[in-house]
Amino acid sequence: MQKPIFLSCFLFFFFVYFIPRQSFSCPQDHREFLLEFKKLLTHNIKNHSTQIALGELKTWRPNSDCCKWKLVRCNTRSPSKEVTDLNLNGLVLFGSVSSTLLRPVLRVSSLMRLDVSSNFIQGEIPGDGFWELDQHLDLSMNAIGGTLSGDIKELKNLEELQSYCTTEAIIETEQVLWFYTVVHITVNKARNNIQMNFMSFKIPYGIGSLVNLSTLSMSRNNFSGGIPSSIQNLTNLETLELENNSGLSGEIPTWLFHLQKLRKLRLGGNKLQWNKNGSIFPQSKLTHLSLSSCGLEGKIPDWLKNQTDLYFLDLSLNRLEGSFPKWLADLKMENIILSDNRLSGRIPNTVGETSLMILKLSENNFSGSVPKSIANIYRLLWLDLSKNKLSGEFPRFSQHSLLALLDISSNELSGDVPASFGLNTVSLTMSKNNFSGEFPEEFTKLSFLKHLDLHDNKISGMFPSFISRLSQSLEVLSLRNNFLKGSITEDISTLTSLKVLDLSENSLDGTLPSNLGNLTGMRSNHKTWK
């Protein structure tokens, strides 16, 4: 009976003392590389202009298992427990550090994910170590520059590269040399994403050879020329964003709508022009469509009727005419932006049956009354009906309404000043109408109100005695060019957040309150409210 006990004890001590320690700890070289990184980072503390957050790095100690360190993850399924994930973001609070401190980190050959964002890192891209990463690399919110060279096809497994750098970087590929600040690249066998900033060249024709590309986002750059025909080869493309490239021009090709997997198409803010003679028979089911300032004319395109998945539509800054079609309201969209066109007629009553969050119809020729049903859109956050010819009374909103931003200025609306809104309302712009009656006390219920503009109306009565009970967050109060009487009360000085106060062109009398100087938020040179 003694032998089994002896054998068990022998095996226990054998495994504890004779099995190599690497089986129970991270590789020694990985620990040394990370300690070298810590040493390089903490060396910057000697520079009094740089401050480092050392709290979580205190666990990084020699002769300890680096898999148990904070910010470090290892492959626990592997006997060698190699380091695979480093989350090193935000260690530098202010100042700057050199990009050379990344060199020891990049020697960890098993690394799959690396996040060194928000560390005020400056300098050249440190070598080719990035090409070994398999999944995720985040260099964002730094000032890393230089050349990230190599064949982009080598990034076979990389799922995400983020580098919102402030300096110019270069990526060399087989087809073309691209100069840009890298924003977001995702490349693997199934899904490719490319986003670029500050480019000032033509979109390379060779981009059509990236046949697995699913997201191509090149907004807010300086691209010139047109949309290359090679993009129609990208049959896996789901998102194409080319907004706000001032030099991008030419006709919008109709074949874009033949890309069956396309879901998001954003082409606004360019010099691209709609093909007036082209017929559109979309083979895609879009969820987002932006054709702002693309030269659309005539009625709102009928082919949109069949885009039943569409929930974001921006056709602003065009020359569209005709009415707001009922079928558009029936699409149950979340965002409709038709501002700055030539649309006319009435707004459909069925708009109140929608799930809209944003409805912007400003700078058109809509007339008639605002549908009462519009106040029933529970999710409505932003409503802009300004600069039309709308008339009659404005609907009353429930206090449970989510409406935050309202602009109904420059219309022909009348009746009492609208004051029935949701308790979370932030901005009310109702100037240049025919609203009359006294300044409503109901405004005092809007505790989050920051902007209240009622200038150029027919508001009468005495200066409100309850002015001090308006929102303490109020920054803008404009009552210019109305018919208010009486004197400005002393308690207006309690509105300490006010930056703009315009009470001119009324019938006020008396002297200015001596404590107006308490309005410390007032601007000396404020914007003129028109």
Protein backbone atom coordinates (compact mmCIF):
# COMPACT_ATOMS: atom_id res chain seq x y z
CA MET A 1 0.00 0.00 0.00
CA GLN A 2 3.00 2.29 0.42
CA LYS A 3 4.13 2.19 -3.23
CA PRO A 4 1.12 4.05 -4.73
CA ILE A 5 1.49 6.81 -2.17
CA PHE A 6 5.21 7.05 -2.83
CA LEU A 7 4.62 7.13 -6.59
CA SER A 8 2.03 9.92 -6.27
CA CYS A 9 4.37 12.05 -4.22
CA PHE A 10 7.19 11.45 -6.69
CA LEU A 11 5.02 12.55 -9.64
CA PHE A 12 3.88 15.66 -7.79
CA PHE A 13 7.42 16.83 -7.04
CA PHE A 14 8.55 15.91 -10.56
CA PHE A 15 5.95 18.10 -12.22
CA VAL A 16 6.52 20.98 -9.81
CA TYR A 17 10.29 21.07 -9.90
CA PHE A 18 11.40 19.39 -13.09
CA ILE A 19 8.94 20.44 -15.79
CA PRO A 20 10.32 23.60 -17.46
CA ARG A 21 8.91 26.77 -15.95
CA GLN A 22 7.95 28.04 -19.41
CA SER A 23 4.91 25.81 -19.25
CA PHE A 24 3.58 27.85 -16.35
CA SER A 25 4.67 31.35 -17.39
CA CYS A 26 4.93 33.55 -20.45
CA PRO A 27 8.11 33.23 -22.55
CA GLN A 28 11.10 34.91 -20.97
CA ASP A 29 11.95 36.96 -24.05
CA HIS A 30 8.39 38.33 -24.18
CA ARG A 31 8.69 39.44 -20.56
CA GLU A 32 12.00 41.13 -21.31
CA PHE A 33 10.62 42.92 -24.37
CA LEU A 34 7.70 44.31 -22.35
CA LEU A 35 9.94 45.38 -19.47
CA GLU A 36 12.14 47.18 -22.00
CA PHE A 37 9.04 48.99 -23.29
CA LYS A 38 8.16 50.00 -19.71
CA LYS A 39 11.69 51.26 -19.14
CA LEU A 40 11.62 53.36 -22.31
CA LEU A 41 8.21 54.75 -21.40
CA THR A 42 9.00 55.57 -17.78
CA HIS A 43 12.27 57.20 -18.83
CA ASN A 44 10.10 60.06 -20.11
CA ILE A 45 9.08 60.91 -16.55
CA LYS A 46 12.43 62.66 -16.22
CA ASN A 47 11.06 65.11 -18.76
CA HIS A 48 8.81 67.26 -16.57
CA SER A 49 6.64 68.21 -19.58
CA THR A 50 5.49 64.59 -19.98
CA GLN A 51 3.21 62.74 -17.57
CA ILE A 52 2.70 58.96 -17.63
CA ALA A 53 -0.10 56.92 -16.04
CA LEU A 54 1.88 54.19 -14.24
CA GLY A 55 -0.91 52.63 -12.19
CA GLU A 56 -1.45 49.48 -14.24
CA LEU A 57 2.23 49.17 -15.18
CA LYS A 58 3.13 48.57 -11.52
CA THR A 59 2.17 44.93 -12.06
CA TRP A 60 4.93 44.66 -14.68
CA ARG A 61 7.73 43.27 -12.47
CA PRO A 62 10.82 41.17 -13.28
CA ASN A 63 10.66 37.46 -12.41
CA SER A 64 6.85 37.46 -12.56
CA ASP A 65 4.46 35.92 -15.03
CA CYS A 66 3.69 38.58 -17.65
CA CYS A 67 0.43 36.78 -18.46
CA LYS A 68 -0.78 38.01 -15.07
CA TRP A 69 0.19 41.60 -15.76
CA LYS A 70 -2.51 44.16 -16.40
CA LEU A 71 -2.95 45.23 -20.04
CA VAL A 72 -1.49 41.90 -21.23
CA ARG A 73 -3.23 38.80 -22.56
CA CYS A 74 -1.66 35.47 -23.44
CA ASN A 75 -2.69 32.41 -25.36
CA THR A 76 -3.80 30.23 -22.44
CA ARG A 77 -4.41 27.28 -24.74
CA SER A 78 -0.79 27.13 -25.75
CA PRO A 79 1.81 25.41 -23.53
CA SER A 80 4.19 28.33 -24.10
CA LYS A 81 1.54 30.92 -23.10
CA GLU A 82 2.87 33.47 -25.62
CA VAL A 83 1.67 37.09 -25.45
CA THR A 84 -1.06 37.82 -28.00
CA ASP A 85 -2.80 41.04 -26.93
CA LEU A 86 -1.49 44.36 -25.58
CA ASN A 87 -3.89 47.17 -24.66
CA LEU A 88 -1.53 50.11 -24.07
CA ASN A 89 -3.79 53.03 -24.92
CA GLY A 90 -3.82 56.26 -22.94
CA LEU A 91 -0.67 55.68 -20.86
CA VAL A 92 0.74 59.12 -21.72
CA LEU A 93 -1.45 61.82 -20.20
CA PHE A 94 0.29 64.79 -21.82
CA GLY A 95 3.60 65.72 -23.35
CA SER A 96 5.12 63.45 -25.99
CA VAL A 97 7.14 60.25 -26.36
CA SER A 98 9.22 58.85 -29.20
CA SER A 99 7.93 56.17 -31.55
CA THR A 100 11.12 54.19 -30.83
CA LEU A 101 9.53 52.86 -27.64
CA LEU A 102 7.37 50.63 -29.88
CA ARG A 103 10.39 48.65 -31.10
CA PRO A 104 10.55 46.17 -28.20
CA VAL A 105 6.79 45.63 -28.35
CA LEU A 106 6.99 44.73 -32.03
CA ARG A 107 9.58 42.03 -31.22
CA VAL A 108 6.80 40.01 -29.60
CA SER A 109 6.29 37.86 -32.70
CA SER A 110 3.12 36.17 -31.41
CA LEU A 111 1.30 39.48 -31.00
CA MET A 112 -2.12 39.53 -32.69
CA ARG A 113 -3.65 42.71 -31.25
CA LEU A 114 -1.89 45.95 -30.34
CA ASP A 115 -3.51 49.17 -29.15
CA VAL A 116 -1.15 52.10 -28.49
CA SER A 117 -3.68 54.84 -29.23
CA SER A 118 -3.83 58.20 -27.43
CA ASN A 119 -0.22 58.22 -26.25
CA PHE A 120 1.17 61.39 -27.87
CA ILE A 121 3.65 59.21 -29.79
CA GLN A 122 5.75 61.16 -32.30
CA GLY A 123 8.21 60.08 -34.97
CA GLU A 124 8.69 57.65 -37.80
CA ILE A 125 6.82 54.37 -38.19
CA PRO A 126 9.21 51.89 -36.47
CA GLY A 127 10.15 49.25 -39.03
CA ASP A 128 8.14 46.44 -40.56
CA GLY A 129 6.87 44.84 -37.37
CA PHE A 130 3.30 45.87 -38.10
CA TRP A 131 3.08 43.44 -41.00
CA GLU A 132 3.31 40.51 -38.57
CA LEU A 133 0.14 41.47 -36.71
CA ASP A 134 -2.78 39.16 -37.40
CA GLN A 135 -5.89 40.95 -36.19
CA HIS A 136 -5.83 44.49 -34.82
CA LEU A 137 -3.51 47.49 -34.80
CA ASP A 138 -4.61 50.84 -33.34
CA LEU A 139 -2.22 53.80 -33.67
CA SER A 140 -4.93 56.44 -33.49
CA MET A 141 -4.61 59.80 -31.77
CA ASN A 142 -0.83 59.94 -32.14
CA ALA A 143 1.52 61.75 -34.51
CA ILE A 144 3.15 58.77 -36.15
CA GLY A 145 4.31 59.32 -39.72
CA GLY A 146 6.81 58.09 -42.23
CA THR A 147 6.46 55.13 -44.56
CA LEU A 148 4.47 51.97 -43.93
CA SER A 149 5.80 50.10 -46.93
CA GLY A 150 5.10 46.68 -48.34
CA ASP A 151 2.44 44.89 -50.31
CA ILE A 152 -0.99 45.53 -48.85
CA LYS A 153 -1.83 41.93 -49.76
CA GLU A 154 0.55 40.83 -46.99
CA LEU A 155 -2.13 41.94 -44.54
CA LYS A 156 -3.94 38.67 -45.10
CA ASN A 157 -5.34 38.29 -41.62
CA LEU A 158 -5.31 41.84 -40.31
CA GLU A 159 -8.84 42.78 -39.40
CA GLU A 160 -8.35 46.37 -38.35
CA LEU A 161 -5.73 49.08 -38.67
CA GLN A 162 -6.59 52.44 -37.14
CA SER A 163 -4.17 55.33 -37.37
CA TYR A 164 -5.73 58.75 -37.10
CA CYS A 165 -2.28 60.27 -37.45
CA THR A 166 -1.56 63.95 -37.79
CA THR A 167 1.30 63.48 -40.25
CA GLU A 168 1.43 62.00 -43.70
CA ALA A 169 1.95 58.27 -44.15
CA ILE A 170 2.64 56.24 -47.28
CA ILE A 171 1.40 52.81 -48.26
CA GLU A 172 2.96 51.18 -51.30
CA THR A 173 1.01 48.54 -53.20
CA GLU A 174 1.59 46.71 -56.44
CA GLN A 175 -0.77 48.94 -58.39
CA VAL A 176 -0.20 52.46 -57.09
CA LEU A 177 1.56 54.60 -54.51
CA TRP A 178 -0.97 56.16 -52.12
CA PHE A 179 -0.05 59.15 -49.98
CA TYR A 180 -2.43 59.68 -47.11
CA THR A 181 -3.02 59.65 -43.42
CA VAL A 182 -4.29 56.19 -42.62
CA VAL A 183 -7.63 56.16 -40.90
CA HIS A 184 -8.99 52.63 -41.00
CA ILE A 185 -8.03 49.57 -42.97
CA THR A 186 -9.61 46.16 -42.56
CA VAL A 187 -8.20 43.45 -44.77
CA ASN A 188 -8.87 39.73 -44.68
CA LYS A 189 -10.21 37.08 -47.01
CA ALA A 190 -13.83 38.01 -46.43
CA ARG A 191 -13.89 41.70 -45.62
CA ASN A 192 -11.86 44.70 -46.68
CA ASN A 193 -12.34 48.27 -45.46
CA ILE A 194 -10.39 51.31 -46.54
CA GLN A 195 -10.79 54.84 -45.20
CA MET A 196 -8.45 57.67 -46.11
CA ASN A 197 -7.94 61.28 -45.10
CA PHE A 198 -6.29 64.28 -46.74
CA MET A 199 -5.69 62.69 -50.14
CA SER A 200 -5.33 65.02 -53.09
CA PHE A 201 -5.11 62.70 -56.08
CA LYS A 202 -7.48 60.88 -58.37
CA ILE A 203 -9.07 57.73 -57.03
CA PRO A 204 -6.69 55.04 -58.37
CA TYR A 205 -8.14 52.85 -61.11
CA GLY A 206 -6.36 49.87 -59.59
CA ILE A 207 -8.66 49.97 -56.59
CA GLY A 208 -11.04 47.84 -58.65
CA SER A 209 -8.68 44.89 -58.27
CA LEU A 210 -9.45 44.63 -54.54
CA VAL A 211 -12.37 42.36 -55.34
CA ASN A 212 -13.08 41.45 -51.71
CA LEU A 213 -13.52 45.08 -50.69
CA SER A 214 -16.71 45.60 -48.71
CA THR A 215 -16.25 49.14 -47.41
CA LEU A 216 -14.63 51.98 -49.32
CA SER A 217 -14.78 55.23 -47.38
CA MET A 218 -12.92 58.20 -48.87
CA SER A 219 -14.97 61.08 -47.51
CA ARG A 220 -13.56 64.48 -46.53
CA ASN A 221 -10.52 64.44 -48.77
CA ASN A 222 -9.36 66.39 -51.81
CA PHE A 223 -9.91 63.81 -54.51
CA SER A 224 -10.26 65.07 -58.06
CA GLY A 225 -11.56 63.49 -61.25
CA GLY A 226 -14.46 61.08 -61.45
CA ILE A 227 -15.52 57.74 -60.04
CA PRO A 228 -13.35 55.10 -61.79
CA SER A 229 -15.25 52.49 -63.77
CA SER A 230 -13.19 49.74 -62.11
CA ILE A 231 -15.29 50.13 -58.95
CA GLN A 232 -18.05 48.18 -60.68
CA ASN A 233 -15.78 45.12 -60.31
CA LEU A 234 -16.21 45.34 -56.53
CA THR A 235 -19.16 42.99 -56.36
CA ASN A 236 -18.79 42.57 -52.58
CA LEU A 237 -19.00 46.30 -51.94
CA GLU A 238 -21.50 47.17 -49.21
CA THR A 239 -20.47 50.76 -48.40
CA LEU A 240 -19.22 53.49 -50.76
CA GLU A 241 -18.61 56.88 -49.15
CA LEU A 242 -17.13 59.70 -51.23
CA GLU A 243 -18.73 62.71 -49.53
CA ASN A 244 -17.13 66.14 -49.26
CA ASN A 245 -14.39 65.86 -51.86
CA SER A 246 -14.48 69.31 -53.44
CA GLY A 247 -12.61 68.26 -56.59
CA LEU A 248 -14.57 65.09 -57.35
CA SER A 249 -16.58 65.67 -60.53
CA GLY A 250 -18.23 64.04 -63.50
CA GLU A 251 -21.47 62.08 -63.85
CA ILE A 252 -22.67 59.66 -61.22
CA PRO A 253 -22.54 56.30 -63.04
CA THR A 254 -25.80 54.35 -63.12
CA TRP A 255 -23.90 51.07 -62.71
CA LEU A 256 -23.38 51.94 -59.05
CA PHE A 257 -26.97 50.82 -58.48
CA HIS A 258 -26.20 47.44 -60.08
CA LEU A 259 -23.89 46.48 -57.19
CA GLN A 260 -26.22 44.03 -55.54
CA LYS A 261 -24.62 44.06 -52.09
CA LEU A 262 -24.42 47.84 -51.87
CA ARG A 263 -26.20 49.17 -48.77
CA LYS A 264 -24.67 52.59 -48.09
CA LEU A 265 -24.05 55.11 -50.87
CA ARG A 266 -22.89 58.60 -49.90
CA LEU A 267 -21.90 60.93 -52.74
CA GLY A 268 -22.96 64.34 -51.41
CA GLY A 269 -20.90 67.48 -51.07
CA ASN A 270 -18.97 67.07 -54.33
CA LYS A 271 -19.20 68.32 -57.91
CA LEU A 272 -20.63 65.02 -59.04
CA GLN A 273 -23.71 65.40 -61.21
CA TRP A 274 -26.73 63.19 -61.60
CA ASN A 275 -27.13 61.57 -65.01
CA LYS A 276 -30.38 63.17 -66.19
CA ASN A 277 -30.79 60.79 -69.11
CA GLY A 278 -29.84 57.61 -67.31
CA SER A 279 -32.47 55.09 -66.19
CA ILE A 280 -32.13 53.70 -62.69
CA PHE A 281 -33.29 50.14 -61.95
CA PRO A 282 -31.52 49.40 -58.67
CA GLN A 283 -30.45 45.85 -57.98
CA SER A 284 -29.37 46.84 -54.49
CA LYS A 285 -31.41 47.42 -51.34
CA LEU A 286 -29.99 50.61 -49.89
CA THR A 287 -30.16 51.58 -46.24
CA HIS A 288 -28.34 54.93 -46.64
CA LEU A 289 -28.40 57.28 -49.62
CA SER A 290 -26.85 60.74 -49.76
CA LEU A 291 -27.01 62.65 -53.05
CA SER A 292 -26.74 66.14 -51.57
CA SER A 293 -25.73 68.82 -54.12
CA CYS A 294 -25.60 66.31 -56.97
CA GLY A 295 -27.69 68.29 -59.48
CA LEU A 296 -30.93 66.32 -59.16
CA GLU A 297 -33.83 67.95 -60.98
CA GLY A 298 -37.54 67.28 -61.40
CA LYS A 299 -39.55 65.22 -58.94
CA ILE A 300 -38.18 63.07 -56.16
CA PRO A 301 -37.07 59.89 -58.02
CA ASP A 302 -39.81 57.25 -58.23
CA TRP A 303 -37.35 54.36 -58.05
CA LEU A 304 -36.93 55.15 -54.35
CA LYS A 305 -40.37 53.59 -53.81
CA ASN A 306 -38.83 50.14 -54.01
CA GLN A 307 -36.03 50.91 -51.57
CA THR A 308 -37.98 49.55 -48.63
CA ASP A 309 -34.88 49.12 -46.43
CA LEU A 310 -33.94 52.79 -46.74
CA TYR A 311 -33.83 54.64 -43.44
CA PHE A 312 -31.44 57.53 -44.25
CA LEU A 313 -32.12 59.80 -47.25
CA ASP A 314 -30.37 63.09 -48.00
CA LEU A 315 -31.36 64.85 -51.24
CA SER A 316 -30.66 68.38 -50.01
CA LEU A 317 -29.10 71.20 -52.04
CA ASN A 318 -30.56 70.10 -55.37
CA ARG A 319 -33.22 71.46 -57.73
CA LEU A 320 -36.04 69.05 -56.95
CA GLU A 321 -39.57 70.25 -57.64
CA GLY A 322 -43.08 69.02 -57.02
CA SER A 323 -44.60 67.74 -53.80
CA PHE A 324 -43.50 65.67 -50.85
CA PRO A 325 -44.94 62.33 -52.07
CA LYS A 326 -47.08 60.25 -49.74
CA TRP A 327 -45.13 57.11 -50.65
CA LEU A 328 -42.00 58.72 -49.20
CA ALA A 329 -43.70 59.15 -45.84
CA ASP A 330 -44.91 55.55 -46.05
CA LEU A 331 -41.35 54.16 -46.31
CA LYS A 332 -41.01 54.36 -42.52
CA MET A 333 -37.59 55.99 -42.69
CA GLU A 334 -35.66 57.43 -39.75
CA ASN A 335 -33.98 60.38 -41.49
CA ILE A 336 -35.33 62.48 -44.37
CA ILE A 337 -33.33 65.54 -45.45
CA LEU A 338 -34.79 67.49 -48.38
CA SER A 339 -33.59 70.98 -47.46
CA ASP A 340 -32.70 73.62 -50.03
CA ASN A 341 -34.76 72.45 -53.01
CA ARG A 342 -37.80 73.81 -54.84
CA LEU A 343 -40.41 71.48 -53.38
CA SER A 344 -43.91 72.82 -52.83
CA GLY A 345 -47.41 71.89 -51.73
CA ARG A 346 -48.43 70.48 -48.37
CA ILE A 347 -46.56 68.14 -46.09
CA PRO A 348 -48.47 64.80 -46.04
CA ASN A 349 -50.69 64.19 -43.00
CA THR A 350 -49.37 60.63 -42.85
CA VAL A 351 -45.97 61.94 -41.76
CA GLY A 352 -47.18 61.47 -38.20
CA GLU A 353 -47.33 57.70 -38.75
CA THR A 354 -43.60 57.46 -39.41
CA SER A 355 -40.65 56.54 -37.19
CA LEU A 356 -38.70 59.63 -38.16
CA MET A 357 -35.89 60.88 -35.96
CA ILE A 358 -34.76 63.69 -38.27
CA LEU A 359 -36.97 65.62 -40.70
CA LYS A 360 -35.38 68.59 -42.46
CA LEU A 361 -37.45 70.38 -45.12
CA SER A 362 -36.03 73.90 -44.82
CA GLU A 363 -35.60 76.34 -47.71
CA ASN A 364 -38.37 75.04 -49.95
CA ASN A 365 -41.80 76.37 -50.91
CA PHE A 366 -44.02 74.19 -48.71
CA SER A 367 -47.30 75.89 -47.82
CA GLY A 368 -50.45 75.29 -45.83
CA SER A 369 -50.57 74.21 -42.21
CA VAL A 370 -48.09 71.98 -40.43
CA PRO A 371 -49.80 68.57 -40.02
CA LYS A 372 -50.94 68.09 -36.41
CA SER A 373 -49.85 64.48 -36.72
CA ILE A 374 -46.23 65.60 -36.78
CA ALA A 375 -46.42 65.96 -32.99
CA ASN A 376 -47.24 62.24 -32.76
CA ILE A 377 -43.83 61.12 -34.04
CA TYR A 378 -42.53 59.88 -30.72
CA ARG A 379 -38.91 59.40 -31.86
CA LEU A 380 -38.62 62.79 -33.58
CA LEU A 381 -35.46 64.52 -32.35
CA TRP A 382 -34.82 67.23 -34.95
CA LEU A 383 -37.44 69.08 -36.97
CA ASP A 384 -36.42 71.85 -39.38
CA LEU A 385 -39.20 73.49 -41.40
CA SER A 386 -37.59 76.92 -41.65
CA LYS A 387 -37.74 79.20 -44.70
CA ASN A 388 -40.97 77.94 -46.24
CA LYS A 389 -44.47 79.42 -46.59
CA LEU A 390 -46.20 77.47 -43.85
CA SER A 391 -49.15 79.12 -42.13
CA GLY A 392 -51.67 78.59 -39.35
CA GLU A 393 -51.02 77.45 -35.80
CA PHE A 394 -48.17 75.17 -34.89
CA PRO A 395 -49.05 71.77 -33.33
CA ARG A 396 -48.72 71.13 -29.60
CA PHE A 397 -46.20 68.48 -28.55
CA SER A 398 -46.58 66.24 -25.53
CA GLN A 399 -44.26 66.75 -22.56
CA HIS A 400 -43.11 63.18 -23.24
CA SER A 401 -41.91 64.13 -26.73
CA LEU A 402 -38.24 63.50 -27.47
CA LEU A 403 -37.94 66.59 -29.69
CA ALA A 404 -34.65 68.33 -28.94
CA LEU A 405 -34.13 70.73 -31.87
CA LEU A 406 -36.86 72.76 -33.59
CA ASP A 407 -36.48 75.40 -36.29
CA ILE A 408 -39.68 76.84 -37.79
CA SER A 409 -38.30 80.31 -38.46
CA SER A 410 -39.08 82.39 -41.56
CA ASN A 411 -42.60 81.13 -42.22
CA GLU A 412 -46.07 82.67 -41.92
CA LEU A 413 -47.17 80.81 -38.80
CA SER A 414 -49.57 82.55 -36.44
CA GLY A 415 -51.51 82.13 -33.21
CA ASP A 416 -50.12 82.05 -29.69
CA VAL A 417 -46.42 81.51 -29.22
CA PRO A 418 -45.84 77.71 -29.28
CA ALA A 419 -44.63 76.62 -25.86
CA SER A 420 -45.85 73.03 -25.51
CA PHE A 421 -42.83 70.82 -26.03
CA GLY A 422 -41.07 67.83 -24.51
CA LEU A 423 -39.24 68.41 -21.26
CA ASN A 424 -35.89 67.60 -22.92
CA THR A 425 -36.10 70.30 -25.59
CA VAL A 426 -32.76 72.05 -26.09
CA SER A 427 -33.26 74.56 -28.93
CA LEU A 428 -36.33 76.48 -30.18
CA THR A 429 -35.90 78.79 -33.18
CA MET A 430 -39.26 80.38 -34.06
CA SER A 431 -38.28 83.82 -35.32
CA LYS A 432 -39.77 85.70 -38.31
CA ASN A 433 -43.35 84.49 -38.01
CA ASN A 434 -46.63 86.07 -36.89
CA PHE A 435 -46.85 84.60 -33.40
CA SER A 436 -48.71 86.84 -30.96
CA GLY A 437 -49.87 86.94 -27.36
CA GLU A 438 -47.73 87.13 -24.24
CA PHE A 439 -44.44 85.41 -23.57
CA PRO A 440 -45.55 81.96 -22.30
CA GLU A 441 -44.77 80.91 -18.75
CA GLU A 442 -44.73 77.31 -20.02
CA PHE A 443 -41.15 77.90 -21.15
CA THR A 444 -40.08 77.67 -17.51
CA LYS A 445 -40.81 73.90 -17.61
CA LEU A 446 -38.05 73.34 -20.19
CA SER A 447 -35.14 72.89 -17.81
CA PHE A 448 -32.67 71.87 -20.56
CA LEU A 449 -33.43 74.75 -22.91
CA LYS A 450 -30.28 76.44 -24.21
CA HIS A 451 -31.49 78.41 -27.22
CA LEU A 452 -34.75 80.40 -27.47
CA ASP A 453 -35.15 82.68 -30.47
CA LEU A 454 -38.46 84.52 -31.01
CA HIS A 455 -37.30 87.69 -32.69
CA ASP A 456 -39.46 89.39 -35.35
CA ASN A 457 -42.88 88.24 -34.14
CA LYS A 458 -45.85 90.05 -32.56
CA ILE A 459 -45.35 89.11 -28.93
CA SER A 460 -46.94 91.64 -26.59
CA GLY A 461 -47.55 92.21 -22.88
CA MET A 462 -45.22 93.11 -20.06
CA PHE A 463 -41.65 91.92 -19.79
CA PRO A 464 -41.99 88.47 -18.15
CA SER A 465 -41.78 88.61 -14.34
CA PHE A 466 -40.83 84.91 -14.29
CA ILE A 467 -37.69 85.40 -16.37
CA SER A 468 -35.48 84.04 -13.57
CA ARG A 469 -37.31 80.68 -13.71
CA LEU A 470 -36.19 79.99 -17.26
CA SER A 471 -33.61 77.25 -17.71
CA GLN A 472 -30.32 77.94 -15.96
CA SER A 473 -28.73 76.40 -19.05
CA LEU A 474 -30.13 79.12 -21.32
CA GLU A 475 -27.37 80.59 -23.50
CA VAL A 476 -29.36 82.49 -26.14
CA LEU A 477 -32.50 84.56 -25.57
CA SER A 478 -33.63 86.72 -28.49
CA LEU A 479 -36.91 88.67 -28.29
CA ARG A 480 -35.90 91.46 -30.66
CA ASN A 481 -38.52 93.36 -32.66
CA ASN A 482 -41.67 92.46 -30.74
CA PHE A 483 -44.13 94.55 -28.67
CA LEU A 484 -42.93 93.91 -25.12
CA LYS A 485 -43.54 96.66 -22.54
CA GLY A 486 -42.33 97.48 -19.05
CA SER A 487 -38.83 97.34 -17.65
CA ILE A 488 -36.20 94.64 -17.54
CA THR A 489 -36.34 93.01 -14.10
CA GLU A 490 -33.31 92.67 -11.83
CA ASP A 491 -33.65 88.89 -11.57
CA ILE A 492 -32.56 88.44 -15.18
CA SER A 493 -29.04 88.37 -13.74
CA THR A 494 -29.72 84.85 -12.38
CA LEU A 495 -29.45 83.48 -15.96
CA THR A 496 -25.70 83.22 -15.59
CA SER A 497 -25.23 80.96 -18.64
CA LEU A 498 -26.52 83.62 -21.04
CA LYS A 499 -24.13 84.43 -23.86
CA VAL A 500 -26.57 86.31 -26.12
CA LEU A 501 -29.41 88.54 -24.88
CA ASP A 502 -31.25 90.60 -27.49
CA LEU A 503 -34.25 92.66 -26.33
CA SER A 504 -33.86 95.49 -28.85
CA GLU A 505 -36.69 97.04 -30.89
CA ASN A 506 -39.42 96.60 -28.26
CA SER A 507 -41.31 99.15 -26.16
CA LEU A 508 -39.34 98.60 -22.96
CA ASP A 509 -38.73 101.51 -20.58
CA GLY A 510 -36.92 102.21 -17.35
CA THR A 511 -33.24 101.79 -16.61
CA LEU A 512 -31.03 98.80 -17.18
CA PRO A 513 -30.57 96.60 -14.10
CA SER A 514 -27.34 97.41 -12.29
CA ASN A 515 -26.53 93.73 -11.86
CA LEU A 516 -26.38 92.91 -15.58
CA GLY A 517 -22.66 92.67 -15.02
CA ASN A 518 -23.31 89.37 -13.27
CA LEU A 519 -24.01 87.79 -16.68
CA THR A 520 -20.40 86.71 -16.98
CA GLY A 521 -21.07 84.41 -19.92
CA MET A 522 -22.05 87.26 -22.22
CA ARG A 523 -20.00 87.68 -25.37
CA SER A 524 -18.58 91.07 -26.20
CA ASN A 525 -18.90 90.55 -29.94
CA HIS A 526 -21.88 88.28 -30.43
CA LYS A 527 -23.50 87.11 -33.61
CA THR A 528 -26.29 89.22 -35.03
CA TRP A 529 -29.56 87.28 -34.97
CA LYS A 530 -31.34 87.70 -38.26
